[in-house]
């Protein structure tokens, strides 16, 4: 935990792109994936993401917990009980080109 405190961090807020209201009803995009354009838009407003920065995403997806079907998007009987991967929120092609700790550059 000490090493996490010594690295820069940013929070990319895509809440409005994932969660929204249309005609008075929640309009959730169930399979939204962070795009290169989302990152460039954030950087245009906030500056370049520092190398090796911890990047957090604000999606609003936590509202779906603990309903595992809504949260994970797969029926409970098909979930891996040892650790289910949730929705892939980041396009792996984007991460290949970022020097991001925790993701292998050769994905």
PDB file of N, CA and C in Angstrom:
ATOM      1  N   UNK A   1       0.816  -1.187   0.000  1.00  0.00           N
ATOM      2  CA  UNK A   1       0.000   0.000   0.000  1.00  0.00           C
ATOM      3  C   UNK A   1       0.867   1.261   0.000  1.00  0.00           C
ATOM      4  N   UNK A   2       2.015   1.206   0.628  1.00  0.00           N
ATOM      5  CA  UNK A   2       2.883   2.382   0.656  1.00  0.00           C
ATOM      6  C   UNK A   2       3.288   2.820  -0.746  1.00  0.00           C
ATOM      7  N   UNK A   3       3.519   1.859  -1.645  1.00  0.00           N
ATOM      8  CA  UNK A   3       3.962   2.226  -2.985  1.00  0.00           C
ATOM      9  C   UNK A   3       2.842   2.871  -3.792  1.00  0.00           C
ATOM     10  N   UNK A   4       1.604   2.537  -3.511  1.00  0.00           N
ATOM     11  CA  UNK A   4       0.506   3.169  -4.232  1.00  0.00           C
ATOM     12  C   UNK A   4       0.410   4.655  -3.916  1.00  0.00           C
ATOM     13  N   UNK A   5       0.816   5.038  -2.737  1.00  0.00           N
ATOM     14  CA  UNK A   5       0.727   6.437  -2.351  1.00  0.00           C
ATOM     15  C   UNK A   5       1.775   7.295  -3.041  1.00  0.00           C
ATOM     16  N   UNK A   6       2.761   6.673  -3.634  1.00  0.00           N
ATOM     17  CA  UNK A   6       3.848   7.409  -4.270  1.00  0.00           C
ATOM     18  C   UNK A   6       3.701   7.517  -5.786  1.00  0.00           C
ATOM     19  N   UNK A   7       2.554   7.134  -6.317  1.00  0.00           N
ATOM     20  CA  UNK A   7       2.362   7.243  -7.758  1.00  0.00           C
ATOM     21  C   UNK A   7       1.226   8.221  -8.042  1.00  0.00           C
ATOM     22  N   UNK A   8       1.272   8.874  -9.195  1.00  0.00           N
ATOM     23  CA  UNK A   8       0.181   9.786  -9.539  1.00  0.00           C
ATOM     24  C   UNK A   8      -1.083   9.000  -9.859  1.00  0.00           C
ATOM     25  N   UNK A   9      -2.202   9.639  -9.725  1.00  0.00           N
ATOM     26  CA  UNK A   9      -3.468   8.996 -10.037  1.00  0.00           C
ATOM     27  C   UNK A   9      -4.431   9.977 -10.675  1.00  0.00           C
ATOM     28  N   UNK A  10      -5.297   9.447 -11.517  1.00  0.00           N
ATOM     29  CA  UNK A  10      -6.339  10.245 -12.150  1.00  0.00           C
ATOM     30  C   UNK A  10      -7.637   9.448 -12.110  1.00  0.00           C
ATOM     31  N   UNK A  11      -8.741  10.156 -12.189  1.00  0.00           N
ATOM     32  CA  UNK A  11     -10.048   9.508 -12.257  1.00  0.00           C
ATOM     33  C   UNK A  11     -10.743   9.996 -13.521  1.00  0.00           C
ATOM     34  N   UNK A  12     -11.006   9.072 -14.420  1.00  0.00           N
ATOM     35  CA  UNK A  12     -11.726   9.389 -15.649  1.00  0.00           C
ATOM     36  C   UNK A  12     -13.195   9.099 -15.383  1.00  0.00           C
ATOM     37  N   UNK A  13     -14.014  10.119 -15.491  1.00  0.00           N
ATOM     38  CA  UNK A  13     -15.435  10.016 -15.173  1.00  0.00           C
ATOM     39  C   UNK A  13     -16.221   9.758 -16.456  1.00  0.00           C
ATOM     40  N   UNK A  14     -16.703   8.525 -16.605  1.00  0.00           N
ATOM     41  CA  UNK A  14     -17.529   8.181 -17.768  1.00  0.00           C
ATOM     42  C   UNK A  14     -18.958   7.858 -17.330  1.00  0.00           C
ATOM     43  N   UNK A  15     -19.298   8.302 -16.116  1.00  0.00           N
ATOM     44  CA  UNK A  15     -20.620   8.023 -15.555  1.00  0.00           C
ATOM     45  C   UNK A  15     -21.735   8.405 -16.523  1.00  0.00           C
ATOM     46  N   UNK A  16     -21.675   9.620 -17.055  1.00  0.00           N
ATOM     47  CA  UNK A  16     -22.748  10.087 -17.934  1.00  0.00           C
ATOM     48  C   UNK A  16     -22.828   9.309 -19.241  1.00  0.00           C
ATOM     49  N   UNK A  17     -21.741   8.654 -19.617  1.00  0.00           N
ATOM     50  CA  UNK A  17     -21.758   7.852 -20.838  1.00  0.00           C
ATOM     51  C   UNK A  17     -22.304   6.450 -20.576  1.00  0.00           C
ATOM     52  N   UNK A  18     -22.157   5.977 -19.346  1.00  0.00           N
ATOM     53  CA  UNK A  18     -22.610   4.633 -18.976  1.00  0.00           C
ATOM     54  C   UNK A  18     -24.022   4.681 -18.399  1.00  0.00           C
ATOM     55  N   UNK A  19     -24.280   5.678 -17.581  1.00  0.00           N
ATOM     56  CA  UNK A  19     -25.574   5.846 -16.917  1.00  0.00           C
ATOM     57  C   UNK A  19     -26.192   7.133 -17.439  1.00  0.00           C
ATOM     58  N   UNK A  20     -27.430   7.094 -17.731  1.00  0.00           N
ATOM     59  CA  UNK A  20     -28.096   8.308 -18.173  1.00  0.00           C
ATOM     60  C   UNK A  20     -29.590   8.173 -17.986  1.00  0.00           C
ATOM     61  N   UNK A  21     -30.306   9.211 -18.291  1.00  0.00           N
ATOM     62  CA  UNK A  21     -31.757   9.187 -18.197  1.00  0.00           C
ATOM     63  C   UNK A  21     -32.311   9.572 -19.556  1.00  0.00           C
ATOM     64  N   UNK A  22     -33.252   8.755 -20.015  1.00  0.00           N
ATOM     65  CA  UNK A  22     -33.902   9.034 -21.294  1.00  0.00           C
ATOM     66  C   UNK A  22     -35.392   8.813 -21.093  1.00  0.00           C
ATOM     67  N   UNK A  23     -36.196   9.815 -21.379  1.00  0.00           N
ATOM     68  CA  UNK A  23     -37.644   9.742 -21.181  1.00  0.00           C
ATOM     69  C   UNK A  23     -37.997   9.363 -19.749  1.00  0.00           C
ATOM     70  N   UNK A  24     -37.249   9.888 -18.790  1.00  0.00           N
ATOM     71  CA  UNK A  24     -37.528   9.628 -17.385  1.00  0.00           C
ATOM     72  C   UNK A  24     -37.106   8.258 -16.893  1.00  0.00           C
ATOM     73  N   UNK A  25     -36.484   7.466 -17.735  1.00  0.00           N
ATOM     74  CA  UNK A  25     -36.049   6.118 -17.366  1.00  0.00           C
ATOM     75  C   UNK A  25     -34.529   6.031 -17.443  1.00  0.00           C
ATOM     76  N   UNK A  26     -33.989   5.164 -16.586  1.00  0.00           N
ATOM     77  CA  UNK A  26     -32.547   4.927 -16.638  1.00  0.00           C
ATOM     78  C   UNK A  26     -32.191   4.372 -18.005  1.00  0.00           C
ATOM     79  N   UNK A  27     -31.180   4.917 -18.605  1.00  0.00           N
ATOM     80  CA  UNK A  27     -30.721   4.480 -19.918  1.00  0.00           C
ATOM     81  C   UNK A  27     -29.278   4.019 -19.760  1.00  0.00           C
ATOM     82  N   UNK A  28     -29.114   2.765 -19.346  1.00  0.00           N
ATOM     83  CA  UNK A  28     -27.793   2.228 -19.046  1.00  0.00           C
ATOM     84  C   UNK A  28     -27.248   1.533 -20.281  1.00  0.00           C
ATOM     85  N   UNK A  29     -26.004   1.835 -20.610  1.00  0.00           N
ATOM     86  CA  UNK A  29     -25.328   1.125 -21.691  1.00  0.00           C
ATOM     87  C   UNK A  29     -24.608  -0.048 -21.037  1.00  0.00           C
ATOM     88  N   UNK A  30     -25.130  -1.266 -21.185  1.00  0.00           N
ATOM     89  CA  UNK A  30     -24.611  -2.402 -20.415  1.00  0.00           C
ATOM     90  C   UNK A  30     -23.215  -2.862 -20.808  1.00  0.00           C
ATOM     91  N   UNK A  31     -22.755  -2.517 -21.987  1.00  0.00           N
ATOM     92  CA  UNK A  31     -21.451  -3.021 -22.431  1.00  0.00           C
ATOM     93  C   UNK A  31     -20.522  -1.887 -22.859  1.00  0.00           C
ATOM     94  N   UNK A  32     -20.628  -0.747 -22.187  1.00  0.00           N
ATOM     95  CA  UNK A  32     -19.791   0.400 -22.534  1.00  0.00           C
ATOM     96  C   UNK A  32     -18.328   0.063 -22.276  1.00  0.00           C
ATOM     97  N   UNK A  33     -17.477   0.408 -23.218  1.00  0.00           N
ATOM     98  CA  UNK A  33     -16.037   0.173 -23.098  1.00  0.00           C
ATOM     99  C   UNK A  33     -15.338   1.523 -23.198  1.00  0.00           C
ATOM    100  N   UNK A  34     -14.428   1.781 -22.273  1.00  0.00           N
ATOM    101  CA  UNK A  34     -13.633   3.002 -22.323  1.00  0.00           C
ATOM    102  C   UNK A  34     -12.916   3.063 -23.664  1.00  0.00           C
ATOM    103  N   UNK A  35     -13.000   4.208 -24.319  1.00  0.00           N
ATOM    104  CA  UNK A  35     -12.406   4.355 -25.646  1.00  0.00           C
ATOM    105  C   UNK A  35     -11.199   5.292 -25.607  1.00  0.00           C
ATOM    106  N   UNK A  36     -10.452   5.249 -26.671  1.00  0.00           N
ATOM    107  CA  UNK A  36      -9.329   6.174 -26.825  1.00  0.00           C
ATOM    108  C   UNK A  36      -9.839   7.612 -26.791  1.00  0.00           C
ATOM    109  N   UNK A  37     -10.998   7.841 -27.390  1.00  0.00           N
ATOM    110  CA  UNK A  37     -11.584   9.178 -27.411  1.00  0.00           C
ATOM    111  C   UNK A  37     -11.917   9.655 -26.000  1.00  0.00           C
ATOM    112  N   UNK A  38     -12.386   8.744 -25.130  1.00  0.00           N
ATOM    113  CA  UNK A  38     -12.660   9.108 -23.733  1.00  0.00           C
ATOM    114  C   UNK A  38     -11.391   9.603 -23.051  1.00  0.00           C
ATOM    115  N   UNK A  39     -10.291   8.900 -23.292  1.00  0.00           N
ATOM    116  CA  UNK A  39      -9.013   9.271 -22.674  1.00  0.00           C
ATOM    117  C   UNK A  39      -8.527  10.606 -23.229  1.00  0.00           C
ATOM    118  N   UNK A  40      -8.595  10.762 -24.541  1.00  0.00           N
ATOM    119  CA  UNK A  40      -8.151  12.020 -25.156  1.00  0.00           C
ATOM    120  C   UNK A  40      -9.011  13.197 -24.699  1.00  0.00           C
ATOM    121  N   UNK A  41     -10.306  12.967 -24.555  1.00  0.00           N
ATOM    122  CA  UNK A  41     -11.208  14.011 -24.062  1.00  0.00           C
ATOM    123  C   UNK A  41     -10.827  14.410 -22.630  1.00  0.00           C
ATOM    124  N   UNK A  42     -10.540  13.413 -21.790  1.00  0.00           N
ATOM    125  CA  UNK A  42     -10.125  13.694 -20.414  1.00  0.00           C
ATOM    126  C   UNK A  42      -8.823  14.490 -20.414  1.00  0.00           C
ATOM    127  N   UNK A  43      -7.870  14.054 -21.240  1.00  0.00           N
ATOM    128  CA  UNK A  43      -6.571  14.734 -21.283  1.00  0.00           C
ATOM    129  C   UNK A  43      -6.697  16.165 -21.815  1.00  0.00           C
ATOM    130  N   UNK A  44      -7.605  16.391 -22.735  1.00  0.00           N
ATOM    131  CA  UNK A  44      -7.800  17.744 -23.254  1.00  0.00           C
ATOM    132  C   UNK A  44      -8.282  18.678 -22.146  1.00  0.00           C
ATOM    133  N   UNK A  45      -9.122  18.166 -21.250  1.00  0.00           N
ATOM    134  CA  UNK A  45      -9.652  18.978 -20.151  1.00  0.00           C
ATOM    135  C   UNK A  45      -8.685  19.084 -18.980  1.00  0.00           C
ATOM    136  N   UNK A  46      -7.895  18.030 -18.735  1.00  0.00           N
ATOM    137  CA  UNK A  46      -7.127  17.931 -17.497  1.00  0.00           C
ATOM    138  C   UNK A  46      -5.625  17.842 -17.663  1.00  0.00           C
ATOM    139  N   UNK A  47      -5.146  17.679 -18.871  1.00  0.00           N
ATOM    140  CA  UNK A  47      -3.719  17.484 -19.096  1.00  0.00           C
ATOM    141  C   UNK A  47      -3.401  16.011 -19.295  1.00  0.00           C
ATOM    142  N   UNK A  48      -2.199  15.756 -19.763  1.00  0.00           N
ATOM    143  CA  UNK A  48      -1.779  14.392 -20.079  1.00  0.00           C
ATOM    144  C   UNK A  48      -1.728  13.532 -18.820  1.00  0.00           C
ATOM    145  N   UNK A  49      -2.156  12.286 -18.951  1.00  0.00           N
ATOM    146  CA  UNK A  49      -2.062  11.337 -17.847  1.00  0.00           C
ATOM    147  C   UNK A  49      -0.587  11.038 -17.622  1.00  0.00           C
ATOM    148  N   UNK A  50      -0.097  11.211 -16.393  1.00  0.00           N
ATOM    149  CA  UNK A  50       1.324  10.975 -16.130  1.00  0.00           C
ATOM    150  C   UNK A  50       1.705   9.516 -16.371  1.00  0.00           C
ATOM    151  N   UNK A  51       2.952   9.258 -16.778  1.00  0.00           N
ATOM    152  CA  UNK A  51       3.413   7.875 -16.935  1.00  0.00           C
ATOM    153  C   UNK A  51       3.250   7.103 -15.625  1.00  0.00           C
ATOM    154  N   UNK A  52       2.849   5.864 -15.738  1.00  0.00           N
ATOM    155  CA  UNK A  52       2.674   4.945 -14.610  1.00  0.00           C
ATOM    156  C   UNK A  52       1.627   5.415 -13.608  1.00  0.00           C
ATOM    157  N   UNK A  53       0.703   6.246 -14.051  1.00  0.00           N
ATOM    158  CA  UNK A  53      -0.350   6.734 -13.162  1.00  0.00           C
ATOM    159  C   UNK A  53      -1.381   5.642 -12.904  1.00  0.00           C
ATOM    160  N   UNK A  54      -1.968   5.676 -11.733  1.00  0.00           N
ATOM    161  CA  UNK A  54      -3.103   4.827 -11.412  1.00  0.00           C
ATOM    162  C   UNK A  54      -4.324   5.499 -12.019  1.00  0.00           C
ATOM    163  N   UNK A  55      -5.028   4.785 -12.894  1.00  0.00           N
ATOM    164  CA  UNK A  55      -6.189   5.353 -13.569  1.00  0.00           C
ATOM    165  C   UNK A  55      -7.441   4.682 -13.018  1.00  0.00           C
ATOM    166  N   UNK A  56      -8.303   5.485 -12.428  1.00  0.00           N
ATOM    167  CA  UNK A  56      -9.576   5.008 -11.900  1.00  0.00           C
ATOM    168  C   UNK A  56     -10.681   5.435 -12.846  1.00  0.00           C
ATOM    169  N   UNK A  57     -11.722   4.598 -12.935  1.00  0.00           N
ATOM    170  CA  UNK A  57     -12.876   4.924 -13.769  1.00  0.00           C
ATOM    171  C   UNK A  57     -14.099   5.084 -12.886  1.00  0.00           C
ATOM    172  N   UNK A  58     -14.827   6.157 -13.081  1.00  0.00           N
ATOM    173  CA  UNK A  58     -16.107   6.331 -12.403  1.00  0.00           C
ATOM    174  C   UNK A  58     -17.185   5.993 -13.424  1.00  0.00           C
ATOM    175  N   UNK A  59     -17.836   4.849 -13.196  1.00  0.00           N
ATOM    176  CA  UNK A  59     -18.839   4.363 -14.138  1.00  0.00           C
ATOM    177  C   UNK A  59     -20.251   4.363 -13.568  1.00  0.00           C
ATOM    178  N   UNK A  60     -20.374   4.335 -12.242  1.00  0.00           N
ATOM    179  CA  UNK A  60     -21.686   4.201 -11.624  1.00  0.00           C
ATOM    180  C   UNK A  60     -22.160   2.764 -11.548  1.00  0.00           C
ATOM    181  N   UNK A  61     -21.314   1.852 -12.010  1.00  0.00           N
ATOM    182  CA  UNK A  61     -21.695   0.444 -12.079  1.00  0.00           C
ATOM    183  C   UNK A  61     -21.969  -0.159 -10.698  1.00  0.00           C
ATOM    184  N   UNK A  62     -21.412   0.430  -9.650  1.00  0.00           N
ATOM    185  CA  UNK A  62     -21.594  -0.117  -8.303  1.00  0.00           C
ATOM    186  C   UNK A  62     -23.057  -0.100  -7.868  1.00  0.00           C
ATOM    187  N   UNK A  63     -23.884   0.725  -8.491  1.00  0.00           N
ATOM    188  CA  UNK A  63     -25.316   0.759  -8.165  1.00  0.00           C
ATOM    189  C   UNK A  63     -25.974  -0.594  -8.416  1.00  0.00           C
ATOM    190  N   UNK A  64     -25.381  -1.401  -9.269  1.00  0.00           N
ATOM    191  CA  UNK A  64     -25.966  -2.693  -9.624  1.00  0.00           C
ATOM    192  C   UNK A  64     -25.655  -3.791  -8.604  1.00  0.00           C
ATOM    193  N   UNK A  65     -24.677  -3.556  -7.737  1.00  0.00           N
ATOM    194  CA  UNK A  65     -24.293  -4.542  -6.731  1.00  0.00           C
ATOM    195  C   UNK A  65     -25.328  -4.541  -5.621  1.00  0.00           C
ATOM    196  N   UNK A  66     -25.745  -5.692  -5.060  1.00  0.00           N
ATOM    197  CA  UNK A  66     -25.189  -7.031  -5.193  1.00  0.00           C
ATOM    198  C   UNK A  66     -25.918  -7.922  -6.195  1.00  0.00           C
ATOM    199  N   UNK A  67     -26.725  -7.362  -7.093  1.00  0.00           N
ATOM    200  CA  UNK A  67     -27.383  -8.181  -8.103  1.00  0.00           C
ATOM    201  C   UNK A  67     -26.321  -8.636  -9.106  1.00  0.00           C
ATOM    202  N   UNK A  68     -25.897  -9.884  -8.972  1.00  0.00           N
ATOM    203  CA  UNK A  68     -24.766 -10.353  -9.777  1.00  0.00           C
ATOM    204  C   UNK A  68     -25.083 -10.387 -11.269  1.00  0.00           C
ATOM    205  N   UNK A  69     -26.332 -10.645 -11.623  1.00  0.00           N
ATOM    206  CA  UNK A  69     -26.654 -10.643 -13.050  1.00  0.00           C
ATOM    207  C   UNK A  69     -26.520  -9.232 -13.614  1.00  0.00           C
ATOM    208  N   UNK A  70     -27.094  -8.248 -12.914  1.00  0.00           N
ATOM    209  CA  UNK A  70     -26.983  -6.864 -13.387  1.00  0.00           C
ATOM    210  C   UNK A  70     -25.542  -6.378 -13.359  1.00  0.00           C
ATOM    211  N   UNK A  71     -24.798  -6.763 -12.312  1.00  0.00           N
ATOM    212  CA  UNK A  71     -23.435  -6.267 -12.143  1.00  0.00           C
ATOM    213  C   UNK A  71     -22.465  -6.917 -13.120  1.00  0.00           C
ATOM    214  N   UNK A  72     -22.558  -8.245 -13.255  1.00  0.00           N
ATOM    215  CA  UNK A  72     -21.605  -8.983 -14.084  1.00  0.00           C
ATOM    216  C   UNK A  72     -22.106  -9.247 -15.497  1.00  0.00           C
ATOM    217  N   UNK A  73     -23.430  -9.228 -15.665  1.00  0.00           N
ATOM    218  CA  UNK A  73     -23.990  -9.447 -16.984  1.00  0.00           C
ATOM    219  C   UNK A  73     -24.056 -10.898 -17.412  1.00  0.00           C
ATOM    220  N   UNK A  74     -23.821 -11.804 -16.483  1.00  0.00           N
ATOM    221  CA  UNK A  74     -23.919 -13.225 -16.806  1.00  0.00           C
ATOM    222  C   UNK A  74     -24.727 -13.920 -15.714  1.00  0.00           C
ATOM    223  N   UNK A  75     -25.511 -14.938 -16.090  1.00  0.00           N
ATOM    224  CA  UNK A  75     -26.298 -15.659 -15.091  1.00  0.00           C
ATOM    225  C   UNK A  75     -25.403 -16.289 -14.024  1.00  0.00           C
ATOM    226  N   UNK A  76     -25.919 -16.356 -12.802  1.00  0.00           N
ATOM    227  CA  UNK A  76     -25.128 -16.868 -11.688  1.00  0.00           C
ATOM    228  C   UNK A  76     -24.604 -18.275 -11.947  1.00  0.00           C
ATOM    229  N   UNK A  77     -25.384 -19.111 -12.606  1.00  0.00           N
ATOM    230  CA  UNK A  77     -24.940 -20.494 -12.835  1.00  0.00           C
ATOM    231  C   UNK A  77     -23.728 -20.577 -13.766  1.00  0.00           C
ATOM    232  N   UNK A  78     -23.443 -19.506 -14.494  1.00  0.00           N
ATOM    233  CA  UNK A  78     -22.284 -19.486 -15.387  1.00  0.00           C
ATOM    234  C   UNK A  78     -21.099 -18.713 -14.824  1.00  0.00           C
ATOM    235  N   UNK A  79     -21.232 -18.236 -13.602  1.00  0.00           N
ATOM    236  CA  UNK A  79     -20.153 -17.459 -13.008  1.00  0.00           C
ATOM    237  C   UNK A  79     -19.090 -18.380 -12.434  1.00  0.00           C
ATOM    238  N   UNK A  80     -17.863 -17.974 -12.580  1.00  0.00           N
ATOM    239  CA  UNK A  80     -16.737 -18.682 -11.986  1.00  0.00           C
ATOM    240  C   UNK A  80     -16.697 -18.294 -10.520  1.00  0.00           C
ATOM    241  N   UNK A  81     -16.961 -19.234  -9.643  1.00  0.00           N
ATOM    242  CA  UNK A  81     -17.073 -18.929  -8.216  1.00  0.00           C
ATOM    243  C   UNK A  81     -15.741 -18.528  -7.591  1.00  0.00           C
ATOM    244  N   UNK A  82     -14.632 -18.715  -8.282  1.00  0.00           N
ATOM    245  CA  UNK A  82     -13.340 -18.356  -7.701  1.00  0.00           C
ATOM    246  C   UNK A  82     -12.900 -16.953  -8.082  1.00  0.00           C
ATOM    247  N   UNK A  83     -13.695 -16.260  -8.846  1.00  0.00           N
ATOM    248  CA  UNK A  83     -13.318 -14.889  -9.213  1.00  0.00           C
ATOM    249  C   UNK A  83     -13.746 -14.561 -10.621  1.00  0.00           C
ATOM    250  N   UNK A  84     -14.916 -14.004 -10.758  1.00  0.00           N
ATOM    251  CA  UNK A  84     -15.461 -13.693 -12.072  1.00  0.00           C
ATOM    252  C   UNK A  84     -14.884 -12.392 -12.585  1.00  0.00           C
ATOM    253  N   UNK A  85     -14.503 -12.395 -13.845  1.00  0.00           N
ATOM    254  CA  UNK A  85     -14.154 -11.136 -14.495  1.00  0.00           C
ATOM    255  C   UNK A  85     -15.463 -10.444 -14.837  1.00  0.00           C
ATOM    256  N   UNK A  86     -15.566  -9.190 -14.480  1.00  0.00           N
ATOM    257  CA  UNK A  86     -16.747  -8.419 -14.828  1.00  0.00           C
ATOM    258  C   UNK A  86     -16.644  -7.926 -16.255  1.00  0.00           C
ATOM    259  N   UNK A  87     -17.403  -6.917 -16.552  1.00  0.00           N
ATOM    260  CA  UNK A  87     -17.356  -6.347 -17.890  1.00  0.00           C
ATOM    261  C   UNK A  87     -15.961  -5.803 -18.166  1.00  0.00           C
ATOM    262  N   UNK A  88     -15.491  -5.986 -19.376  1.00  0.00           N
ATOM    263  CA  UNK A  88     -14.192  -5.440 -19.767  1.00  0.00           C
ATOM    264  C   UNK A  88     -14.399  -3.969 -20.097  1.00  0.00           C
ATOM    265  N   UNK A  89     -14.037  -3.096 -19.158  1.00  0.00           N
ATOM    266  CA  UNK A  89     -14.326  -1.676 -19.309  1.00  0.00           C
ATOM    267  C   UNK A  89     -13.286  -0.913 -20.101  1.00  0.00           C
ATOM    268  N   UNK A  90     -12.169  -1.548 -20.381  1.00  0.00           N
ATOM    269  CA  UNK A  90     -11.097  -0.847 -21.080  1.00  0.00           C
ATOM    270  C   UNK A  90     -10.694  -1.648 -22.309  1.00  0.00           C
ATOM    271  N   UNK A  91     -10.641  -0.996 -23.418  1.00  0.00           N
ATOM    272  CA  UNK A  91     -10.200  -1.623 -24.658  1.00  0.00           C
ATOM    273  C   UNK A  91      -8.722  -1.980 -24.519  1.00  0.00           C
ATOM    274  N   UNK A  92      -8.398  -3.262 -24.594  1.00  0.00           N
ATOM    275  CA  UNK A  92      -7.018  -3.714 -24.414  1.00  0.00           C
ATOM    276  C   UNK A  92      -6.062  -3.107 -25.436  1.00  0.00           C
ATOM    277  N   UNK A  93      -6.554  -2.729 -26.598  1.00  0.00           N
ATOM    278  CA  UNK A  93      -5.698  -2.083 -27.593  1.00  0.00           C
ATOM    279  C   UNK A  93      -5.167  -0.751 -27.066  1.00  0.00           C
ATOM    280  N   UNK A  94      -5.961  -0.061 -26.261  1.00  0.00           N
ATOM    281  CA  UNK A  94      -5.515   1.201 -25.670  1.00  0.00           C
ATOM    282  C   UNK A  94      -4.385   0.935 -24.693  1.00  0.00           C
ATOM    283  N   UNK A  95      -4.564  -0.075 -23.844  1.00  0.00           N
ATOM    284  CA  UNK A  95      -3.591  -0.331 -22.779  1.00  0.00           C
ATOM    285  C   UNK A  95      -2.273  -0.873 -23.299  1.00  0.00           C
ATOM    286  N   UNK A  96      -2.281  -1.468 -24.472  1.00  0.00           N
ATOM    287  CA  UNK A  96      -1.029  -1.972 -25.039  1.00  0.00           C
ATOM    288  C   UNK A  96       0.001  -0.860 -25.171  1.00  0.00           C
ATOM    289  N   UNK A  97      -0.469   0.349 -25.409  1.00  0.00           N
ATOM    290  CA  UNK A  97       0.421   1.464 -25.709  1.00  0.00           C
ATOM    291  C   UNK A  97       0.670   2.372 -24.514  1.00  0.00           C
ATOM    292  N   UNK A  98       0.116   2.003 -23.358  1.00  0.00           N
ATOM    293  CA  UNK A  98       0.317   2.811 -22.154  1.00  0.00           C
ATOM    294  C   UNK A  98       1.271   2.080 -21.222  1.00  0.00           C
ATOM    295  N   UNK A  99       2.111   2.787 -20.569  1.00  0.00           N
ATOM    296  CA  UNK A  99       3.017   2.205 -19.582  1.00  0.00           C
ATOM    297  C   UNK A  99       2.270   2.166 -18.258  1.00  0.00           C
ATOM    298  N   UNK A 100       1.358   1.217 -18.123  1.00  0.00           N
ATOM    299  CA  UNK A 100       0.435   1.169 -16.998  1.00  0.00           C
ATOM    300  C   UNK A 100       0.754  -0.016 -16.103  1.00  0.00           C
ATOM    301  N   UNK A 101       1.115   0.238 -14.840  1.00  0.00           N
ATOM    302  CA  UNK A 101       1.413  -0.880 -13.942  1.00  0.00           C
ATOM    303  C   UNK A 101       0.165  -1.718 -13.708  1.00  0.00           C
ATOM    304  N   UNK A 102       0.336  -3.021 -13.698  1.00  0.00           N
ATOM    305  CA  UNK A 102      -0.791  -3.911 -13.457  1.00  0.00           C
ATOM    306  C   UNK A 102      -1.346  -4.527 -14.718  1.00  0.00           C
ATOM    307  N   UNK A 103      -1.019  -3.991 -15.856  1.00  0.00           N
ATOM    308  CA  UNK A 103      -1.431  -4.561 -17.134  1.00  0.00           C
ATOM    309  C   UNK A 103      -0.184  -4.933 -17.913  1.00  0.00           C
ATOM    310  N   UNK A 104      -0.181  -6.128 -18.456  1.00  0.00           N
ATOM    311  CA  UNK A 104       0.980  -6.562 -19.235  1.00  0.00           C
ATOM    312  C   UNK A 104       1.014  -5.811 -20.566  1.00  0.00           C
ATOM    313  N   UNK A 105       2.162  -5.294 -20.971  1.00  0.00           N
ATOM    314  CA  UNK A 105       2.238  -4.559 -22.235  1.00  0.00           C
ATOM    315  C   UNK A 105       2.070  -5.451 -23.456  1.00  0.00           C
ATOM    316  N   UNK A 106       2.203  -6.754 -23.307  1.00  0.00           N
ATOM    317  CA  UNK A 106       2.108  -7.665 -24.454  1.00  0.00           C
ATOM    318  C   UNK A 106       0.754  -8.343 -24.536  1.00  0.00           C
ATOM    319  N   UNK A 107      -0.305  -7.741 -24.005  1.00  0.00           N
ATOM    320  CA  UNK A 107      -1.628  -8.356 -23.998  1.00  0.00           C
ATOM    321  C   UNK A 107      -2.101  -8.619 -25.407  1.00  0.00           C
TER     322      UNK A 107
END
